[in-house]
């Protein structure tokens, strides 16, 4: 394990999915106790038909339309307040000048699949339809998700492909949760991996699927045909039970002719960039993500960001 990350492992809270109510309360309290730095960013909550969203825009906006990013937070399909991604979203706005829309999707097990998937697709359609009102370009929209949010981002891209749009310029899948079969080598060896383990993964899929079999939208790894999906930026972590399903999805995307940039961050565990943002490997991962978004969406580097 990376030395800086190893020094923090004992401080990482145990958020057990076996005690879901307690985990939700603990995570909500942690997020509330560590408010995000929103310097230079305007934040607006909006009720839209079908789903609520939180909109992040630069306080100093260009006259030109900016790219937009639909953000889908993680949390094993079952936990996570909307505010969970406030810090990363504000950082993204400052680093890229993009408009970011974060979706407050319904959580399992109270709302099993396809509730969250449909909420994310609804939010994408709303974002594209209202992009110019938000100062964004509807032709330059990325879908981004972390962990279970990465799985939902992959689902959203599949739905957009199969339902005739809206067009997505880039899908960004960060340490994604993609496969309910739980049979990859990293998952089978992942009973005690830091940040997320195979026991948590099994419970998250049980909550999300609600006893029903998974189709290719619920678990994107089950989708046989990956042709026609947008260019992809995908990351995995060396010491993460989800590592191999992400690697396999990237391999299959490439085989299907989808332009794909893949990163396996060495010595890292699940959620490292969020849990230990000051570590050198975390700063490198975040800077690489921002550069991939700027490149994939045709963004200029905002003043003061060059060299990050």
C-alpha atoms as a PDB file:
ATOM      1  CA  UNK A   1       0.000   0.000   0.000  1.00  0.00           C
ATOM      2  CA  UNK A   2       1.109   3.565  -0.684  1.00  0.00           C
ATOM      3  CA  UNK A   3       2.887   4.864   2.445  1.00  0.00           C
ATOM      4  CA  UNK A   4       0.761   7.995   2.819  1.00  0.00           C
ATOM      5  CA  UNK A   5      -2.437   6.000   2.473  1.00  0.00           C
ATOM      6  CA  UNK A   6      -1.268   3.260   4.857  1.00  0.00           C
ATOM      7  CA  UNK A   7      -0.758   5.835   7.603  1.00  0.00           C
ATOM      8  CA  UNK A   8      -4.455   6.734   7.492  1.00  0.00           C
ATOM      9  CA  UNK A   9      -6.118   3.310   7.411  1.00  0.00           C
ATOM     10  CA  UNK A  10      -6.811   3.238  11.166  1.00  0.00           C
ATOM     11  CA  UNK A  11      -8.686   6.560  10.872  1.00  0.00           C
ATOM     12  CA  UNK A  12     -11.139   5.393   8.189  1.00  0.00           C
ATOM     13  CA  UNK A  13     -14.601   4.848   9.736  1.00  0.00           C
ATOM     14  CA  UNK A  14     -16.224   1.443   9.446  1.00  0.00           C
ATOM     15  CA  UNK A  15     -19.426   2.006   7.477  1.00  0.00           C
ATOM     16  CA  UNK A  16     -21.029  -1.435   7.641  1.00  0.00           C
ATOM     17  CA  UNK A  17     -23.789  -2.197   5.169  1.00  0.00           C
ATOM     18  CA  UNK A  18     -25.135  -4.755   7.639  1.00  0.00           C
ATOM     19  CA  UNK A  19     -26.229  -1.780   9.800  1.00  0.00           C
ATOM     20  CA  UNK A  20     -27.613   0.418   7.049  1.00  0.00           C
ATOM     21  CA  UNK A  21     -29.470   2.972   9.195  1.00  0.00           C
ATOM     22  CA  UNK A  22     -26.408   3.517  11.383  1.00  0.00           C
ATOM     23  CA  UNK A  23     -24.178   3.844   8.320  1.00  0.00           C
ATOM     24  CA  UNK A  24     -26.476   6.439   6.779  1.00  0.00           C
ATOM     25  CA  UNK A  25     -26.556   8.469   9.994  1.00  0.00           C
ATOM     26  CA  UNK A  26     -22.772   8.258  10.399  1.00  0.00           C
ATOM     27  CA  UNK A  27     -22.100   9.297   6.809  1.00  0.00           C
ATOM     28  CA  UNK A  28     -24.598  12.157   6.975  1.00  0.00           C
ATOM     29  CA  UNK A  29     -22.954  13.396  10.170  1.00  0.00           C
ATOM     30  CA  UNK A  30     -19.460  13.182   8.656  1.00  0.00           C
ATOM     31  CA  UNK A  31     -20.515  15.148   5.591  1.00  0.00           C
ATOM     32  CA  UNK A  32     -22.224  17.788   7.735  1.00  0.00           C
ATOM     33  CA  UNK A  33     -19.175  18.095   9.999  1.00  0.00           C
ATOM     34  CA  UNK A  34     -16.794  18.634   7.068  1.00  0.00           C
ATOM     35  CA  UNK A  35     -18.440  21.257   4.863  1.00  0.00           C
ATOM     36  CA  UNK A  36     -17.066  21.591   1.362  1.00  0.00           C
ATOM     37  CA  UNK A  37     -14.990  24.527   0.175  1.00  0.00           C
ATOM     38  CA  UNK A  38     -17.321  26.307  -2.238  1.00  0.00           C
ATOM     39  CA  UNK A  39     -15.052  29.265  -2.943  1.00  0.00           C
ATOM     40  CA  UNK A  40     -15.739  30.663  -6.398  1.00  0.00           C
ATOM     41  CA  UNK A  41     -18.685  28.344  -6.977  1.00  0.00           C
ATOM     42  CA  UNK A  42     -22.402  29.101  -7.021  1.00  0.00           C
ATOM     43  CA  UNK A  43     -24.645  26.275  -5.758  1.00  0.00           C
ATOM     44  CA  UNK A  44     -28.363  25.930  -6.410  1.00  0.00           C
ATOM     45  CA  UNK A  45     -30.770  23.151  -5.471  1.00  0.00           C
ATOM     46  CA  UNK A  46     -33.588  22.670  -7.922  1.00  0.00           C
ATOM     47  CA  UNK A  47     -36.660  20.464  -8.068  1.00  0.00           C
ATOM     48  CA  UNK A  48     -37.097  19.110 -11.564  1.00  0.00           C
ATOM     49  CA  UNK A  49     -39.815  16.816 -12.912  1.00  0.00           C
ATOM     50  CA  UNK A  50     -38.939  13.378 -11.581  1.00  0.00           C
ATOM     51  CA  UNK A  51     -35.741  14.070  -9.649  1.00  0.00           C
ATOM     52  CA  UNK A  52     -34.019  16.758  -7.574  1.00  0.00           C
ATOM     53  CA  UNK A  53     -30.601  18.086  -8.589  1.00  0.00           C
ATOM     54  CA  UNK A  54     -27.862  20.329  -7.198  1.00  0.00           C
ATOM     55  CA  UNK A  55     -26.259  22.669  -9.715  1.00  0.00           C
ATOM     56  CA  UNK A  56     -22.670  23.947  -9.422  1.00  0.00           C
ATOM     57  CA  UNK A  57     -21.581  26.837 -11.653  1.00  0.00           C
ATOM     58  CA  UNK A  58     -18.553  29.148 -11.647  1.00  0.00           C
ATOM     59  CA  UNK A  59     -19.229  32.508  -9.993  1.00  0.00           C
ATOM     60  CA  UNK A  60     -17.275  34.130 -12.829  1.00  0.00           C
ATOM     61  CA  UNK A  61     -18.870  32.724 -15.969  1.00  0.00           C
ATOM     62  CA  UNK A  62     -17.611  33.099 -19.500  1.00  0.00           C
ATOM     63  CA  UNK A  63     -19.868  34.430 -22.216  1.00  0.00           C
ATOM     64  CA  UNK A  64     -19.289  31.157 -24.066  1.00  0.00           C
ATOM     65  CA  UNK A  65     -21.280  28.048 -23.227  1.00  0.00           C
ATOM     66  CA  UNK A  66     -19.349  25.750 -20.887  1.00  0.00           C
ATOM     67  CA  UNK A  67     -19.286  21.957 -20.981  1.00  0.00           C
ATOM     68  CA  UNK A  68     -21.485  20.186 -18.447  1.00  0.00           C
ATOM     69  CA  UNK A  69     -21.015  17.181 -16.185  1.00  0.00           C
ATOM     70  CA  UNK A  70     -23.759  15.018 -14.701  1.00  0.00           C
ATOM     71  CA  UNK A  71     -22.379  13.788 -11.372  1.00  0.00           C
ATOM     72  CA  UNK A  72     -23.681  10.576  -9.755  1.00  0.00           C
ATOM     73  CA  UNK A  73     -22.466  10.037  -6.191  1.00  0.00           C
ATOM     74  CA  UNK A  74     -21.365   6.693  -4.760  1.00  0.00           C
ATOM     75  CA  UNK A  75     -22.605   4.804  -1.744  1.00  0.00           C
ATOM     76  CA  UNK A  76     -23.269   1.212  -2.750  1.00  0.00           C
ATOM     77  CA  UNK A  77     -26.672   2.161  -4.199  1.00  0.00           C
ATOM     78  CA  UNK A  78     -27.962   2.475  -0.614  1.00  0.00           C
ATOM     79  CA  UNK A  79     -26.254   5.357   1.234  1.00  0.00           C
ATOM     80  CA  UNK A  80     -24.988   8.835   0.548  1.00  0.00           C
ATOM     81  CA  UNK A  81     -26.570  12.278   0.897  1.00  0.00           C
ATOM     82  CA  UNK A  82     -26.646  14.633  -2.063  1.00  0.00           C
ATOM     83  CA  UNK A  83     -23.937  16.685  -0.335  1.00  0.00           C
ATOM     84  CA  UNK A  84     -21.486  13.769  -0.500  1.00  0.00           C
ATOM     85  CA  UNK A  85     -19.899  15.089  -3.711  1.00  0.00           C
ATOM     86  CA  UNK A  86     -20.066  18.813  -2.917  1.00  0.00           C
ATOM     87  CA  UNK A  87     -16.301  19.088  -2.396  1.00  0.00           C
ATOM     88  CA  UNK A  88     -15.228  17.154  -5.516  1.00  0.00           C
ATOM     89  CA  UNK A  89     -17.841  18.958  -7.602  1.00  0.00           C
ATOM     90  CA  UNK A  90     -16.667  22.382  -6.447  1.00  0.00           C
ATOM     91  CA  UNK A  91     -13.066  21.354  -7.199  1.00  0.00           C
ATOM     92  CA  UNK A  92     -14.158  20.212 -10.640  1.00  0.00           C
ATOM     93  CA  UNK A  93     -15.857  23.534 -11.371  1.00  0.00           C
ATOM     94  CA  UNK A  94     -12.779  25.488 -10.287  1.00  0.00           C
ATOM     95  CA  UNK A  95     -10.424  23.231 -12.280  1.00  0.00           C
ATOM     96  CA  UNK A  96     -12.435  23.121 -15.502  1.00  0.00           C
ATOM     97  CA  UNK A  97     -15.041  25.889 -15.573  1.00  0.00           C
ATOM     98  CA  UNK A  98     -17.729  23.279 -16.280  1.00  0.00           C
ATOM     99  CA  UNK A  99     -21.311  23.327 -15.070  1.00  0.00           C
ATOM    100  CA  UNK A 100     -21.894  20.331 -12.791  1.00  0.00           C
ATOM    101  CA  UNK A 101     -25.325  18.874 -12.040  1.00  0.00           C
ATOM    102  CA  UNK A 102     -25.467  16.328  -9.206  1.00  0.00           C
ATOM    103  CA  UNK A 103     -28.472  13.999  -9.096  1.00  0.00           C
ATOM    104  CA  UNK A 104     -30.301  13.129  -5.861  1.00  0.00           C
ATOM    105  CA  UNK A 105     -31.319   9.648  -6.960  1.00  0.00           C
ATOM    106  CA  UNK A 106     -33.491   7.339  -4.863  1.00  0.00           C
ATOM    107  CA  UNK A 107     -31.673   4.846  -2.644  1.00  0.00           C
ATOM    108  CA  UNK A 108     -32.117   1.120  -2.177  1.00  0.00           C
ATOM    109  CA  UNK A 109     -33.450  -0.988  -0.530  1.00  0.00           C
ATOM    110  CA  UNK A 110     -36.479   1.290  -0.157  1.00  0.00           C
ATOM    111  CA  UNK A 111     -36.269   2.003  -3.886  1.00  0.00           C
ATOM    112  CA  UNK A 112     -34.674  -0.963  -5.691  1.00  0.00           C
ATOM    113  CA  UNK A 113     -33.615  -1.080  -9.334  1.00  0.00           C
ATOM    114  CA  UNK A 114     -34.599   0.505 -11.672  1.00  0.00           C
ATOM    115  CA  UNK A 115     -35.379   3.558  -9.472  1.00  0.00           C
ATOM    116  CA  UNK A 116     -31.851   5.001  -9.242  1.00  0.00           C
ATOM    117  CA  UNK A 117     -31.076   4.180 -12.880  1.00  0.00           C
ATOM    118  CA  UNK A 118     -34.210   5.910 -14.133  1.00  0.00           C
ATOM    119  CA  UNK A 119     -33.531   8.916 -11.889  1.00  0.00           C
ATOM    120  CA  UNK A 120     -30.041   9.324 -13.369  1.00  0.00           C
ATOM    121  CA  UNK A 121     -31.299   9.021 -16.933  1.00  0.00           C
ATOM    122  CA  UNK A 122     -34.083  11.523 -16.167  1.00  0.00           C
ATOM    123  CA  UNK A 123     -31.490  13.948 -14.780  1.00  0.00           C
ATOM    124  CA  UNK A 124     -29.379  13.565 -17.930  1.00  0.00           C
ATOM    125  CA  UNK A 125     -32.357  14.378 -20.128  1.00  0.00           C
ATOM    126  CA  UNK A 126     -33.206  17.392 -17.975  1.00  0.00           C
ATOM    127  CA  UNK A 127     -29.612  18.639 -18.052  1.00  0.00           C
ATOM    128  CA  UNK A 128     -29.366  18.449 -21.833  1.00  0.00           C
ATOM    129  CA  UNK A 129     -32.798  20.072 -22.298  1.00  0.00           C
ATOM    130  CA  UNK A 130     -31.895  22.964 -19.953  1.00  0.00           C
ATOM    131  CA  UNK A 131     -28.172  23.196 -20.721  1.00  0.00           C
ATOM    132  CA  UNK A 132     -28.221  26.612 -22.377  1.00  0.00           C
ATOM    133  CA  UNK A 133     -30.313  28.047 -19.546  1.00  0.00           C
ATOM    134  CA  UNK A 134     -27.512  26.870 -17.199  1.00  0.00           C
ATOM    135  CA  UNK A 135     -24.818  28.353 -19.418  1.00  0.00           C
ATOM    136  CA  UNK A 136     -23.794  24.933 -20.735  1.00  0.00           C
ATOM    137  CA  UNK A 137     -23.341  23.383 -24.157  1.00  0.00           C
ATOM    138  CA  UNK A 138     -25.764  20.456 -24.717  1.00  0.00           C
ATOM    139  CA  UNK A 139     -23.308  18.934 -27.203  1.00  0.00           C
ATOM    140  CA  UNK A 140     -20.541  18.660 -24.578  1.00  0.00           C
ATOM    141  CA  UNK A 141     -21.995  16.701 -21.674  1.00  0.00           C
ATOM    142  CA  UNK A 142     -20.139  14.097 -19.610  1.00  0.00           C
ATOM    143  CA  UNK A 143     -21.631  11.548 -17.243  1.00  0.00           C
ATOM    144  CA  UNK A 144     -19.411  10.950 -14.207  1.00  0.00           C
ATOM    145  CA  UNK A 145     -19.821   8.577 -11.286  1.00  0.00           C
ATOM    146  CA  UNK A 146     -17.735   7.097  -8.476  1.00  0.00           C
ATOM    147  CA  UNK A 147     -18.128   3.527  -7.136  1.00  0.00           C
ATOM    148  CA  UNK A 148     -21.840   2.633  -7.327  1.00  0.00           C
ATOM    149  CA  UNK A 149     -22.186   6.034  -8.998  1.00  0.00           C
ATOM    150  CA  UNK A 150     -19.726   4.770 -11.605  1.00  0.00           C
ATOM    151  CA  UNK A 151     -21.995   1.814 -12.213  1.00  0.00           C
ATOM    152  CA  UNK A 152     -24.973   4.132 -12.532  1.00  0.00           C
ATOM    153  CA  UNK A 153     -23.001   6.359 -14.913  1.00  0.00           C
ATOM    154  CA  UNK A 154     -22.326   3.306 -17.094  1.00  0.00           C
ATOM    155  CA  UNK A 155     -26.030   2.428 -16.919  1.00  0.00           C
ATOM    156  CA  UNK A 156     -26.992   5.977 -17.913  1.00  0.00           C
ATOM    157  CA  UNK A 157     -24.692   5.815 -20.933  1.00  0.00           C
ATOM    158  CA  UNK A 158     -26.218   2.482 -21.988  1.00  0.00           C
ATOM    159  CA  UNK A 159     -29.746   3.871 -21.621  1.00  0.00           C
ATOM    160  CA  UNK A 160     -28.852   6.954 -23.659  1.00  0.00           C
ATOM    161  CA  UNK A 161     -27.419   4.745 -26.400  1.00  0.00           C
ATOM    162  CA  UNK A 162     -30.390   2.421 -26.504  1.00  0.00           C
ATOM    163  CA  UNK A 163     -33.134   5.028 -26.085  1.00  0.00           C
ATOM    164  CA  UNK A 164     -31.915   7.356 -28.810  1.00  0.00           C
ATOM    165  CA  UNK A 165     -30.122   9.911 -26.654  1.00  0.00           C
ATOM    166  CA  UNK A 166     -29.368  12.384 -25.326  1.00  0.00           C
ATOM    167  CA  UNK A 167     -25.831  12.236 -26.742  1.00  0.00           C
ATOM    168  CA  UNK A 168     -23.003  11.908 -24.222  1.00  0.00           C
ATOM    169  CA  UNK A 169     -19.558  13.224 -25.107  1.00  0.00           C
ATOM    170  CA  UNK A 170     -17.662  11.329 -22.377  1.00  0.00           C
ATOM    171  CA  UNK A 171     -18.400   8.755 -19.682  1.00  0.00           C
ATOM    172  CA  UNK A 172     -16.210   8.881 -16.585  1.00  0.00           C
ATOM    173  CA  UNK A 173     -16.260   5.725 -14.469  1.00  0.00           C
ATOM    174  CA  UNK A 174     -14.264   6.086 -11.242  1.00  0.00           C
ATOM    175  CA  UNK A 175     -13.625   2.766  -9.412  1.00  0.00           C
ATOM    176  CA  UNK A 176     -17.015   1.585 -10.751  1.00  0.00           C
ATOM    177  CA  UNK A 177     -19.289  -1.097  -9.285  1.00  0.00           C
ATOM    178  CA  UNK A 178     -20.455  -2.949 -12.398  1.00  0.00           C
ATOM    179  CA  UNK A 179     -20.960  -6.679 -11.784  1.00  0.00           C
ATOM    180  CA  UNK A 180     -23.406  -8.372  -9.400  1.00  0.00           C
ATOM    181  CA  UNK A 181     -21.877 -11.807 -10.033  1.00  0.00           C
ATOM    182  CA  UNK A 182     -19.008 -11.077  -7.582  1.00  0.00           C
ATOM    183  CA  UNK A 183     -16.774 -13.696  -9.202  1.00  0.00           C
ATOM    184  CA  UNK A 184     -13.650 -11.834 -10.334  1.00  0.00           C
ATOM    185  CA  UNK A 185     -10.293 -12.724  -8.739  1.00  0.00           C
ATOM    186  CA  UNK A 186     -10.067  -9.388  -6.901  1.00  0.00           C
ATOM    187  CA  UNK A 187     -13.604  -9.767  -5.548  1.00  0.00           C
ATOM    188  CA  UNK A 188     -13.053 -13.366  -4.430  1.00  0.00           C
ATOM    189  CA  UNK A 189      -9.896 -12.245  -2.595  1.00  0.00           C
ATOM    190  CA  UNK A 190     -11.489  -9.058  -1.262  1.00  0.00           C
ATOM    191  CA  UNK A 191     -13.089 -10.017   2.052  1.00  0.00           C
ATOM    192  CA  UNK A 192     -11.158  -7.339   3.933  1.00  0.00           C
ATOM    193  CA  UNK A 193     -10.007  -4.751   1.385  1.00  0.00           C
ATOM    194  CA  UNK A 194      -9.941  -1.200   2.767  1.00  0.00           C
ATOM    195  CA  UNK A 195     -12.766   1.197   1.921  1.00  0.00           C
ATOM    196  CA  UNK A 196     -15.000  -1.453   0.314  1.00  0.00           C
ATOM    197  CA  UNK A 197     -14.944  -5.233   0.488  1.00  0.00           C
ATOM    198  CA  UNK A 198     -16.726  -8.222  -0.984  1.00  0.00           C
ATOM    199  CA  UNK A 199     -19.161  -8.474   1.938  1.00  0.00           C
ATOM    200  CA  UNK A 200     -20.263  -4.875   1.457  1.00  0.00           C
ATOM    201  CA  UNK A 201     -20.505  -5.430  -2.291  1.00  0.00           C
ATOM    202  CA  UNK A 202     -22.759  -8.472  -1.843  1.00  0.00           C
ATOM    203  CA  UNK A 203     -25.091  -6.529   0.457  1.00  0.00           C
ATOM    204  CA  UNK A 204     -25.191  -3.526  -1.862  1.00  0.00           C
ATOM    205  CA  UNK A 205     -26.288  -5.689  -4.787  1.00  0.00           C
ATOM    206  CA  UNK A 206     -28.858  -7.452  -2.595  1.00  0.00           C
ATOM    207  CA  UNK A 207     -30.344  -4.083  -1.617  1.00  0.00           C
ATOM    208  CA  UNK A 208     -30.223  -2.696  -5.159  1.00  0.00           C
ATOM    209  CA  UNK A 209     -31.708  -5.675  -6.965  1.00  0.00           C
ATOM    210  CA  UNK A 210     -34.335  -6.407  -4.318  1.00  0.00           C
ATOM    211  CA  UNK A 211     -34.282 -10.123  -5.079  1.00  0.00           C
ATOM    212  CA  UNK A 212     -34.783  -9.706  -8.838  1.00  0.00           C
ATOM    213  CA  UNK A 213     -32.245 -10.965 -11.397  1.00  0.00           C
ATOM    214  CA  UNK A 214     -29.915  -8.357 -12.852  1.00  0.00           C
ATOM    215  CA  UNK A 215     -30.149  -7.297 -16.472  1.00  0.00           C
ATOM    216  CA  UNK A 216     -27.523  -5.394 -18.434  1.00  0.00           C
ATOM    217  CA  UNK A 217     -28.751  -2.017 -17.222  1.00  0.00           C
ATOM    218  CA  UNK A 218     -28.728  -2.990 -13.531  1.00  0.00           C
ATOM    219  CA  UNK A 219     -25.247  -4.527 -13.865  1.00  0.00           C
ATOM    220  CA  UNK A 220     -23.496  -3.075 -16.939  1.00  0.00           C
ATOM    221  CA  UNK A 221     -20.907  -5.876 -16.910  1.00  0.00           C
ATOM    222  CA  UNK A 222     -23.717  -8.170 -18.097  1.00  0.00           C
ATOM    223  CA  UNK A 223     -24.331  -6.114 -21.255  1.00  0.00           C
ATOM    224  CA  UNK A 224     -23.147  -8.177 -24.216  1.00  0.00           C
ATOM    225  CA  UNK A 225     -22.791  -5.347 -26.749  1.00  0.00           C
ATOM    226  CA  UNK A 226     -20.774  -2.280 -25.732  1.00  0.00           C
ATOM    227  CA  UNK A 227     -20.474  -0.769 -29.207  1.00  0.00           C
ATOM    228  CA  UNK A 228     -21.649   2.787 -29.715  1.00  0.00           C
ATOM    229  CA  UNK A 229     -20.871   3.973 -26.186  1.00  0.00           C
ATOM    230  CA  UNK A 230     -19.152   7.327 -25.665  1.00  0.00           C
ATOM    231  CA  UNK A 231     -15.400   7.746 -25.191  1.00  0.00           C
ATOM    232  CA  UNK A 232     -14.519   6.576 -21.702  1.00  0.00           C
ATOM    233  CA  UNK A 233     -12.212   7.501 -18.832  1.00  0.00           C
ATOM    234  CA  UNK A 234     -12.099   4.618 -16.337  1.00  0.00           C
ATOM    235  CA  UNK A 235     -10.063   4.130 -13.165  1.00  0.00           C
ATOM    236  CA  UNK A 236      -9.458   1.218 -10.819  1.00  0.00           C
ATOM    237  CA  UNK A 237      -7.416   0.814  -7.656  1.00  0.00           C
ATOM    238  CA  UNK A 238      -4.759  -1.861  -7.167  1.00  0.00           C
ATOM    239  CA  UNK A 239      -5.998  -2.936  -3.707  1.00  0.00           C
ATOM    240  CA  UNK A 240      -9.748  -2.791  -4.372  1.00  0.00           C
ATOM    241  CA  UNK A 241     -12.137  -5.731  -4.632  1.00  0.00           C
ATOM    242  CA  UNK A 242     -13.787  -3.907  -7.577  1.00  0.00           C
ATOM    243  CA  UNK A 243     -10.517  -3.723  -9.521  1.00  0.00           C
ATOM    244  CA  UNK A 244     -10.988  -6.615 -11.930  1.00  0.00           C
ATOM    245  CA  UNK A 245     -14.558  -5.855 -13.006  1.00  0.00           C
ATOM    246  CA  UNK A 246     -13.391  -2.355 -13.949  1.00  0.00           C
ATOM    247  CA  UNK A 247     -10.399  -3.725 -15.853  1.00  0.00           C
ATOM    248  CA  UNK A 248     -12.611  -6.194 -17.712  1.00  0.00           C
ATOM    249  CA  UNK A 249     -15.151  -3.513 -18.621  1.00  0.00           C
ATOM    250  CA  UNK A 250     -12.359  -1.321 -20.002  1.00  0.00           C
ATOM    251  CA  UNK A 251     -11.000  -4.257 -22.019  1.00  0.00           C
ATOM    252  CA  UNK A 252     -14.441  -4.958 -23.472  1.00  0.00           C
ATOM    253  CA  UNK A 253     -15.006  -1.295 -24.303  1.00  0.00           C
ATOM    254  CA  UNK A 254     -11.730  -1.247 -26.231  1.00  0.00           C
ATOM    255  CA  UNK A 255     -12.660  -4.478 -28.011  1.00  0.00           C
ATOM    256  CA  UNK A 256     -15.976  -2.856 -28.992  1.00  0.00           C
ATOM    257  CA  UNK A 257     -14.160   0.073 -30.590  1.00  0.00           C
ATOM    258  CA  UNK A 258     -14.808   2.571 -27.790  1.00  0.00           C
ATOM    259  CA  UNK A 259     -11.921   4.978 -27.189  1.00  0.00           C
ATOM    260  CA  UNK A 260     -10.960   4.290 -23.573  1.00  0.00           C
ATOM    261  CA  UNK A 261      -8.395   5.755 -21.190  1.00  0.00           C
ATOM    262  CA  UNK A 262      -7.685   3.396 -18.287  1.00  0.00           C
ATOM    263  CA  UNK A 263      -5.776   4.060 -15.067  1.00  0.00           C
ATOM    264  CA  UNK A 264      -4.940   1.546 -12.347  1.00  0.00           C
ATOM    265  CA  UNK A 265      -3.636   3.585  -9.428  1.00  0.00           C
ATOM    266  CA  UNK A 266      -0.842   1.658  -7.649  1.00  0.00           C
ATOM    267  CA  UNK A 267      -0.921   0.990  -3.926  1.00  0.00           C
ATOM    268  CA  UNK A 268      -4.421   2.413  -3.534  1.00  0.00           C
ATOM    269  CA  UNK A 269      -7.679   1.257  -1.959  1.00  0.00           C
ATOM    270  CA  UNK A 270     -11.312   2.070  -2.691  1.00  0.00           C
ATOM    271  CA  UNK A 271     -12.159   5.733  -2.189  1.00  0.00           C
ATOM    272  CA  UNK A 272      -8.560   6.763  -1.553  1.00  0.00           C
ATOM    273  CA  UNK A 273      -8.773  10.083  -3.393  1.00  0.00           C
ATOM    274  CA  UNK A 274     -11.790  11.156  -1.307  1.00  0.00           C
ATOM    275  CA  UNK A 275     -10.677   9.666   2.002  1.00  0.00           C
ATOM    276  CA  UNK A 276      -7.081  10.953   1.802  1.00  0.00           C
ATOM    277  CA  UNK A 277      -7.207  13.864  -0.650  1.00  0.00           C
ATOM    278  CA  UNK A 278      -3.865  15.343   0.446  1.00  0.00           C
ATOM    279  CA  UNK A 279      -1.793  12.250  -0.410  1.00  0.00           C
ATOM    280  CA  UNK A 280       0.438  12.670  -3.440  1.00  0.00           C
ATOM    281  CA  UNK A 281      -1.229   9.758  -5.271  1.00  0.00           C
ATOM    282  CA  UNK A 282      -4.656  11.305  -4.585  1.00  0.00           C
ATOM    283  CA  UNK A 283      -3.597  14.684  -5.916  1.00  0.00           C
ATOM    284  CA  UNK A 284      -2.221  12.997  -9.030  1.00  0.00           C
ATOM    285  CA  UNK A 285      -5.430  11.030  -9.563  1.00  0.00           C
ATOM    286  CA  UNK A 286      -7.583  14.146  -9.164  1.00  0.00           C
ATOM    287  CA  UNK A 287      -5.407  16.228 -11.486  1.00  0.00           C
ATOM    288  CA  UNK A 288      -5.495  13.447 -14.098  1.00  0.00           C
ATOM    289  CA  UNK A 289      -9.281  13.268 -13.864  1.00  0.00           C
ATOM    290  CA  UNK A 290      -9.616  17.012 -14.361  1.00  0.00           C
ATOM    291  CA  UNK A 291      -7.269  16.919 -17.347  1.00  0.00           C
ATOM    292  CA  UNK A 292      -9.245  14.038 -18.879  1.00  0.00           C
ATOM    293  CA  UNK A 293     -12.452  16.069 -18.551  1.00  0.00           C
ATOM    294  CA  UNK A 294     -10.838  19.173 -20.044  1.00  0.00           C
ATOM    295  CA  UNK A 295      -9.475  17.136 -22.935  1.00  0.00           C
ATOM    296  CA  UNK A 296     -12.580  15.027 -23.511  1.00  0.00           C
ATOM    297  CA  UNK A 297     -14.939  17.997 -23.432  1.00  0.00           C
ATOM    298  CA  UNK A 298     -12.740  20.511 -25.251  1.00  0.00           C
ATOM    299  CA  UNK A 299     -12.179  22.821 -22.282  1.00  0.00           C
ATOM    300  CA  UNK A 300      -9.561  25.471 -21.899  1.00  0.00           C
ATOM    301  CA  UNK A 301      -7.568  25.472 -18.659  1.00  0.00           C
ATOM    302  CA  UNK A 302      -9.005  28.167 -16.338  1.00  0.00           C
ATOM    303  CA  UNK A 303      -6.633  30.867 -15.123  1.00  0.00           C
ATOM    304  CA  UNK A 304      -4.606  29.718 -12.145  1.00  0.00           C
ATOM    305  CA  UNK A 305      -5.117  26.012 -12.838  1.00  0.00           C
ATOM    306  CA  UNK A 306      -2.241  25.337 -15.260  1.00  0.00           C
ATOM    307  CA  UNK A 307       0.334  22.990 -13.809  1.00  0.00           C
ATOM    308  CA  UNK A 308      -1.994  21.217 -11.372  1.00  0.00           C
END
